[in-house]
Amino acid sequence: MGIREDVKELNDMILNGKIMEAFEKFYAEKVVMQENSEEPRVGKDTNREFEKQFMAMVKEFHGMKLNASAFNEEKGIVMNYWEMDVTMRGKPRRKSSQVAVQEWKNGKIIKERFFYNPN
């Protein structure tokens, strides 16, 4: 498969609630992930734990929408623009949007950074 097909499959899995399955399939062992300007998290094990903790904090997903994807296939760069409607445990329901910038190599994400308003 090419990068566009991989990204479509990844995003479809996310939209169908298969977030951890998508993580296992499409993220490299040495993946580097970062939230805004926080310190990057290095390695699949570290990021897997972060994702599991995030998912444990979700009380209910009310909706998730992929607005757009942009590709630079030559450099393996993808940007996905998401909107989410979610209730986190102990917090009010919140609608938010984020852009995920991914760097792909050999069918895996090797780097991903999320840009969003943390408030």
Protein backbone atom coordinates (compact mmCIF):
# COMPACT_ATOMS: atom_id res chain seq x y z
CA MET A 1 0.00 0.00 0.00
CA GLY A 2 1.02 3.61 -0.46
CA ILE A 3 0.95 6.37 2.13
CA ARG A 4 -2.53 7.58 1.13
CA GLU A 5 -4.00 4.10 1.56
CA ASP A 6 -2.21 3.63 4.89
CA VAL A 7 -3.47 6.98 6.17
CA LYS A 8 -7.01 6.19 5.05
CA GLU A 9 -6.94 2.83 6.83
CA LEU A 10 -5.46 4.42 9.98
CA ASN A 11 -8.07 7.19 10.03
CA ASP A 12 -10.92 4.76 9.32
CA MET A 13 -9.77 2.61 12.24
CA ILE A 14 -9.72 5.67 14.53
CA LEU A 15 -13.19 6.75 13.39
CA ASN A 16 -14.46 3.22 14.10
CA GLY A 17 -13.12 3.28 17.67
CA LYS A 18 -10.14 1.00 16.97
CA ILE A 19 -7.61 3.49 18.28
CA MET A 20 -5.26 1.05 20.00
CA GLU A 21 -5.43 -1.42 17.10
CA ALA A 22 -4.47 1.42 14.74
CA PHE A 23 -1.61 2.38 17.06
CA GLU A 24 -0.24 -1.16 17.06
CA LYS A 25 -0.48 -1.49 13.28
CA PHE A 26 0.80 1.88 12.09
CA TYR A 27 3.27 3.23 14.66
CA ALA A 28 7.00 2.41 14.52
CA GLU A 29 8.85 0.93 17.50
CA LYS A 30 10.95 4.11 17.88
CA VAL A 31 8.08 6.53 17.27
CA VAL A 32 8.39 10.05 18.71
CA MET A 33 5.11 11.72 19.69
CA GLN A 34 4.55 15.21 21.05
CA GLU A 35 1.66 17.30 22.34
CA ASN A 36 2.01 20.97 21.31
CA SER A 37 5.34 22.19 22.78
CA GLU A 38 5.59 19.60 25.56
CA GLU A 39 8.56 17.26 25.76
CA PRO A 40 8.41 14.51 23.12
CA ARG A 41 7.64 10.95 24.18
CA VAL A 42 10.04 8.44 22.64
CA GLY A 43 9.33 4.81 21.84
CA LYS A 44 6.25 2.72 21.19
CA ASP A 45 6.05 1.36 24.75
CA THR A 46 6.06 4.87 26.29
CA ASN A 47 3.49 6.14 23.79
CA ARG A 48 1.31 3.05 24.18
CA GLU A 49 1.05 3.76 27.92
CA PHE A 50 0.22 7.42 27.23
CA GLU A 51 -2.55 6.38 24.81
CA LYS A 52 -3.95 3.84 27.27
CA GLN A 53 -4.02 6.48 30.03
CA PHE A 54 -5.74 8.93 27.71
CA MET A 55 -8.36 6.36 26.70
CA ALA A 56 -8.98 5.50 30.37
CA MET A 57 -9.79 9.18 31.02
CA VAL A 58 -12.46 9.26 28.29
CA LYS A 59 -15.93 8.93 29.74
CA GLU A 60 -17.71 9.18 26.39
CA PHE A 61 -16.95 10.01 22.75
CA HIS A 62 -19.92 11.94 21.35
CA GLY A 63 -18.41 12.41 17.93
CA MET A 64 -15.23 12.56 15.92
CA LYS A 65 -14.77 13.98 12.45
CA LEU A 66 -11.85 14.10 10.06
CA ASN A 67 -12.16 17.43 8.24
CA ALA A 68 -9.19 17.12 5.90
CA SER A 69 -5.89 15.40 5.20
CA ALA A 70 -2.92 16.90 3.35
CA PHE A 71 -0.02 14.93 1.91
CA ASN A 72 3.58 15.51 0.88
CA GLU A 73 4.23 12.00 -0.38
CA GLU A 74 7.81 12.75 -1.41
CA LYS A 75 8.75 13.62 2.18
CA GLY A 76 6.30 11.24 3.87
CA ILE A 77 4.50 14.08 5.67
CA VAL A 78 0.77 13.94 6.41
CA MET A 79 -1.47 16.41 8.22
CA ASN A 80 -4.88 15.40 9.54
CA TYR A 81 -7.36 18.00 10.80
CA TRP A 82 -9.72 16.51 13.40
CA GLU A 83 -12.75 17.70 15.39
CA MET A 84 -13.75 15.88 18.55
CA ASP A 85 -16.70 16.03 20.92
CA VAL A 86 -15.77 14.21 24.11
CA THR A 87 -16.49 14.04 27.82
CA MET A 88 -13.46 13.26 29.98
CA ARG A 89 -13.93 11.77 33.44
CA GLY A 90 -14.54 14.54 35.98
CA LYS A 91 -14.77 17.25 33.30
CA PRO A 92 -17.58 18.81 31.27
CA ARG A 93 -18.30 17.82 27.69
CA ARG A 94 -15.96 19.62 25.30
CA LYS A 95 -15.67 20.15 21.58
CA SER A 96 -12.16 20.67 20.28
CA SER A 97 -10.08 20.49 17.14
CA GLN A 98 -6.51 19.48 16.49
CA VAL A 99 -4.03 18.98 13.69
CA ALA A 100 -1.85 15.89 13.77
CA VAL A 101 1.35 16.17 11.73
CA GLN A 102 2.80 12.77 10.94
CA GLU A 103 6.07 11.64 9.40
CA TRP A 104 5.79 8.22 7.72
CA LYS A 105 8.54 5.80 6.71
CA ASN A 106 8.10 2.26 5.36
CA GLY A 107 4.37 2.21 6.15
CA LYS A 108 4.79 3.36 9.78
CA ILE A 109 4.52 6.65 11.62
CA ILE A 110 7.95 7.54 12.96
CA LYS A 111 7.03 10.99 14.29
CA GLU A 112 3.73 12.65 15.21
CA ARG A 113 3.00 16.02 16.74
CA PHE A 114 -0.41 17.27 17.83
CA PHE A 115 -1.36 20.95 17.72
CA TYR A 116 -4.45 22.06 19.66
CA ASN A 117 -5.73 24.55 22.22
CA PRO A 118 -5.20 22.82 25.59
CA ASN A 119 -7.89 24.90 27.37
